[in-house]
């Protein structure tokens, strides 16, 4: 059985978003093949749900980071500082 990407509470030990997406793609392909026994399909489906949630959480965090960097006027904090005399 292939090694899956596991969701970890610690971001440092957690896989990169790209790795999550790649593994999720593999899971979907294997499930769509229709050639797996029921138990293996269920196990892969559970992994897919975990990966989907982890990926969604990563995207949400990235969005929050971008929002913190942007000001209401659309400039980044670095741009605003450079404009000051």
N, C-alpha and C. Protein backbone atom coordinates (compact mmCIF):
# COMPACT_ATOMS: atom_id res chain seq x y z
N UNK A 1 0.84 -1.18 0.00
CA UNK A 1 0.00 0.00 0.00
C UNK A 1 0.88 1.24 0.00
N UNK A 2 0.46 2.28 -0.75
CA UNK A 2 1.26 3.49 -0.85
C UNK A 2 1.24 4.28 0.45
N UNK A 3 2.32 4.97 0.71
CA UNK A 3 2.40 5.81 1.90
C UNK A 3 1.64 7.10 1.62
N UNK A 4 0.73 7.47 2.49
CA UNK A 4 -0.07 8.68 2.32
C UNK A 4 0.54 9.85 3.05
N UNK A 5 0.09 11.03 2.69
CA UNK A 5 0.48 12.25 3.40
C UNK A 5 -0.41 12.34 4.61
N UNK A 6 0.17 12.44 5.78
CA UNK A 6 -0.60 12.49 7.00
C UNK A 6 -0.72 13.92 7.51
N UNK A 7 -1.90 14.26 8.00
CA UNK A 7 -2.13 15.59 8.58
C UNK A 7 -1.44 15.65 9.93
N UNK A 8 -0.62 16.66 10.14
CA UNK A 8 0.09 16.84 11.39
C UNK A 8 -0.34 18.17 12.01
N UNK A 9 -0.47 18.23 13.33
CA UNK A 9 -0.86 19.48 13.96
C UNK A 9 0.23 20.55 13.86
N UNK A 10 1.48 20.16 13.77
CA UNK A 10 2.60 21.08 13.71
C UNK A 10 2.90 21.40 12.25
N UNK A 11 2.81 22.68 11.87
CA UNK A 11 3.00 23.08 10.48
C UNK A 11 4.39 22.74 9.97
N UNK A 12 5.40 22.78 10.85
CA UNK A 12 6.77 22.49 10.42
C UNK A 12 6.92 21.05 9.95
N UNK A 13 6.20 20.11 10.56
CA UNK A 13 6.31 18.72 10.17
C UNK A 13 5.23 18.32 9.17
N UNK A 14 4.34 19.24 8.86
CA UNK A 14 3.25 18.99 7.94
C UNK A 14 3.73 19.14 6.50
N UNK A 15 3.18 18.35 5.58
CA UNK A 15 3.64 18.42 4.19
C UNK A 15 3.28 19.74 3.52
N UNK A 16 4.01 20.06 2.47
CA UNK A 16 3.75 21.27 1.70
C UNK A 16 2.41 21.13 0.99
N UNK A 17 1.79 22.26 0.69
CA UNK A 17 0.51 22.26 0.00
C UNK A 17 0.59 21.49 -1.32
N UNK A 18 1.69 21.67 -2.03
CA UNK A 18 1.86 20.98 -3.31
C UNK A 18 1.90 19.46 -3.14
N UNK A 19 2.51 19.01 -2.04
CA UNK A 19 2.55 17.57 -1.76
C UNK A 19 1.16 17.04 -1.42
N UNK A 20 0.41 17.84 -0.68
CA UNK A 20 -0.96 17.46 -0.33
C UNK A 20 -1.79 17.32 -1.61
N UNK A 21 -1.67 18.30 -2.48
CA UNK A 21 -2.43 18.30 -3.73
C UNK A 21 -2.05 17.11 -4.62
N UNK A 22 -0.76 16.82 -4.70
CA UNK A 22 -0.30 15.70 -5.51
C UNK A 22 -0.85 14.37 -4.96
N UNK A 23 -0.77 14.19 -3.66
CA UNK A 23 -1.27 12.94 -3.06
C UNK A 23 -2.78 12.85 -3.23
N UNK A 24 -3.48 13.96 -3.07
CA UNK A 24 -4.92 13.95 -3.25
C UNK A 24 -5.28 13.55 -4.68
N UNK A 25 -4.52 14.02 -5.65
CA UNK A 25 -4.74 13.62 -7.03
C UNK A 25 -4.56 12.13 -7.23
N UNK A 26 -3.54 11.57 -6.59
CA UNK A 26 -3.31 10.12 -6.68
C UNK A 26 -4.46 9.35 -6.05
N UNK A 27 -4.92 9.82 -4.91
CA UNK A 27 -6.04 9.16 -4.23
C UNK A 27 -7.27 9.16 -5.12
N UNK A 28 -7.57 10.30 -5.71
CA UNK A 28 -8.75 10.41 -6.58
C UNK A 28 -8.63 9.47 -7.78
N UNK A 29 -7.46 9.44 -8.41
CA UNK A 29 -7.26 8.55 -9.56
C UNK A 29 -7.50 7.09 -9.19
N UNK A 30 -6.96 6.70 -8.04
CA UNK A 30 -7.11 5.30 -7.62
C UNK A 30 -8.56 4.98 -7.30
N UNK A 31 -9.26 5.91 -6.66
CA UNK A 31 -10.67 5.68 -6.35
C UNK A 31 -11.50 5.62 -7.63
N UNK A 32 -11.21 6.49 -8.57
CA UNK A 32 -11.97 6.53 -9.82
C UNK A 32 -11.73 5.30 -10.69
N UNK A 33 -10.63 4.60 -10.47
CA UNK A 33 -10.34 3.41 -11.27
C UNK A 33 -11.39 2.32 -11.05
N UNK A 34 -11.99 2.31 -9.85
CA UNK A 34 -13.02 1.33 -9.55
C UNK A 34 -12.50 -0.08 -9.38
N UNK A 35 -11.20 -0.26 -9.27
CA UNK A 35 -10.60 -1.59 -9.20
C UNK A 35 -10.17 -2.00 -7.80
N UNK A 36 -10.46 -1.17 -6.80
CA UNK A 36 -10.01 -1.46 -5.44
C UNK A 36 -11.09 -2.18 -4.64
N UNK A 37 -10.68 -3.03 -3.71
CA UNK A 37 -11.66 -3.64 -2.80
C UNK A 37 -12.31 -2.55 -1.93
N UNK A 38 -13.47 -2.85 -1.40
CA UNK A 38 -14.24 -1.88 -0.62
C UNK A 38 -13.43 -1.29 0.53
N UNK A 39 -12.78 -2.11 1.32
CA UNK A 39 -12.04 -1.60 2.49
C UNK A 39 -10.91 -0.66 2.08
N UNK A 40 -10.21 -1.00 1.01
CA UNK A 40 -9.14 -0.13 0.54
C UNK A 40 -9.71 1.18 -0.01
N UNK A 41 -10.84 1.10 -0.68
CA UNK A 41 -11.51 2.30 -1.18
C UNK A 41 -11.92 3.21 -0.04
N UNK A 42 -12.48 2.62 1.02
CA UNK A 42 -12.89 3.41 2.18
C UNK A 42 -11.69 4.07 2.85
N UNK A 43 -10.60 3.33 2.96
CA UNK A 43 -9.39 3.87 3.57
C UNK A 43 -8.85 5.04 2.75
N UNK A 44 -8.83 4.87 1.44
CA UNK A 44 -8.36 5.96 0.57
C UNK A 44 -9.30 7.15 0.62
N UNK A 45 -10.61 6.89 0.68
CA UNK A 45 -11.57 7.98 0.78
C UNK A 45 -11.34 8.78 2.06
N UNK A 46 -11.11 8.08 3.18
CA UNK A 46 -10.83 8.76 4.45
C UNK A 46 -9.57 9.61 4.33
N UNK A 47 -8.54 9.07 3.70
CA UNK A 47 -7.30 9.83 3.50
C UNK A 47 -7.58 11.06 2.64
N UNK A 48 -8.39 10.90 1.61
CA UNK A 48 -8.74 12.02 0.74
C UNK A 48 -9.46 13.13 1.49
N UNK A 49 -10.37 12.74 2.37
CA UNK A 49 -11.09 13.74 3.18
C UNK A 49 -10.11 14.48 4.09
N UNK A 50 -9.19 13.76 4.73
CA UNK A 50 -8.18 14.40 5.59
C UNK A 50 -7.32 15.36 4.77
N UNK A 51 -6.88 14.91 3.60
CA UNK A 51 -6.05 15.75 2.74
C UNK A 51 -6.79 17.00 2.29
N UNK A 52 -8.05 16.82 1.93
CA UNK A 52 -8.87 17.95 1.49
C UNK A 52 -9.00 18.98 2.60
N UNK A 53 -9.24 18.52 3.80
CA UNK A 53 -9.37 19.44 4.94
C UNK A 53 -8.05 20.14 5.25
N UNK A 54 -6.97 19.38 5.18
CA UNK A 54 -5.65 19.96 5.44
C UNK A 54 -5.31 21.00 4.37
N UNK A 55 -5.56 20.67 3.11
CA UNK A 55 -5.30 21.61 2.03
C UNK A 55 -6.14 22.86 2.15
N UNK A 56 -7.40 22.69 2.52
CA UNK A 56 -8.29 23.83 2.72
C UNK A 56 -7.80 24.73 3.85
N UNK A 57 -7.34 24.11 4.93
CA UNK A 57 -6.80 24.89 6.05
C UNK A 57 -5.55 25.66 5.62
N UNK A 58 -4.71 25.03 4.80
CA UNK A 58 -3.51 25.71 4.30
C UNK A 58 -3.88 26.92 3.45
N UNK A 59 -4.88 26.75 2.58
CA UNK A 59 -5.31 27.87 1.73
C UNK A 59 -5.91 28.99 2.57
N UNK A 60 -6.69 28.62 3.59
CA UNK A 60 -7.27 29.63 4.47
C UNK A 60 -6.17 30.42 5.18
N UNK A 61 -5.16 29.72 5.66
CA UNK A 61 -4.04 30.40 6.34
C UNK A 61 -3.30 31.31 5.38
N UNK A 62 -3.07 30.86 4.16
CA UNK A 62 -2.40 31.70 3.17
C UNK A 62 -3.22 32.95 2.88
N UNK A 63 -4.52 32.79 2.79
CA UNK A 63 -5.39 33.94 2.56
C UNK A 63 -5.31 34.93 3.72
N UNK A 64 -5.30 34.43 4.94
CA UNK A 64 -5.18 35.31 6.11
C UNK A 64 -3.84 36.06 6.09
N UNK A 65 -2.78 35.37 5.71
CA UNK A 65 -1.47 36.02 5.63
C UNK A 65 -1.47 37.13 4.60
N UNK A 66 -2.06 36.87 3.44
CA UNK A 66 -2.13 37.90 2.38
C UNK A 66 -2.95 39.09 2.87
N UNK A 67 -4.07 38.81 3.51
CA UNK A 67 -4.92 39.89 4.02
C UNK A 67 -4.19 40.74 5.05
N UNK A 68 -3.37 40.10 5.90
CA UNK A 68 -2.60 40.86 6.89
C UNK A 68 -1.56 41.75 6.21
N UNK A 69 -1.02 41.28 5.08
CA UNK A 69 -0.01 42.06 4.38
C UNK A 69 -0.60 43.24 3.62
N UNK A 70 -1.83 43.10 3.18
CA UNK A 70 -2.44 44.16 2.39
C UNK A 70 -3.20 45.13 3.28
N UNK A 71 -3.11 46.39 2.93
CA UNK A 71 -3.86 47.42 3.63
C UNK A 71 -5.14 47.70 2.87
N UNK A 72 -6.02 48.45 3.48
CA UNK A 72 -7.29 48.78 2.83
C UNK A 72 -7.08 49.52 1.51
N UNK A 73 -5.98 50.27 1.37
CA UNK A 73 -5.75 51.02 0.14
C UNK A 73 -5.10 50.17 -0.95
N UNK A 74 -4.88 48.88 -0.70
CA UNK A 74 -4.36 47.98 -1.72
C UNK A 74 -2.85 47.90 -1.78
N UNK A 75 -2.14 48.65 -0.96
CA UNK A 75 -0.68 48.58 -0.98
C UNK A 75 -0.21 47.62 0.10
N UNK A 76 0.95 47.05 -0.11
CA UNK A 76 1.53 46.18 0.91
C UNK A 76 2.19 47.03 1.97
N UNK A 77 2.48 46.46 3.10
CA UNK A 77 3.12 47.22 4.18
C UNK A 77 4.47 47.76 3.73
N UNK A 78 5.20 47.04 2.90
CA UNK A 78 6.49 47.50 2.40
C UNK A 78 6.35 48.69 1.48
N UNK A 79 5.33 48.69 0.63
CA UNK A 79 5.10 49.82 -0.27
C UNK A 79 4.75 51.07 0.51
N UNK A 80 3.94 50.95 1.52
CA UNK A 80 3.53 52.09 2.32
C UNK A 80 4.72 52.72 3.03
N UNK A 81 5.62 51.88 3.56
CA UNK A 81 6.81 52.40 4.25
C UNK A 81 7.72 53.14 3.30
N UNK A 82 7.89 52.68 2.06
CA UNK A 82 8.76 53.34 1.09
C UNK A 82 8.22 54.70 0.68
N UNK A 83 6.88 54.87 0.73
CA UNK A 83 6.28 56.13 0.33
C UNK A 83 6.48 57.23 1.36
N UNK A 84 6.71 56.87 2.59
CA UNK A 84 6.87 57.87 3.64
C UNK A 84 8.18 58.63 3.46
N UNK A 85 8.15 59.95 3.73
CA UNK A 85 9.39 60.76 3.56
C UNK A 85 10.43 60.45 4.60
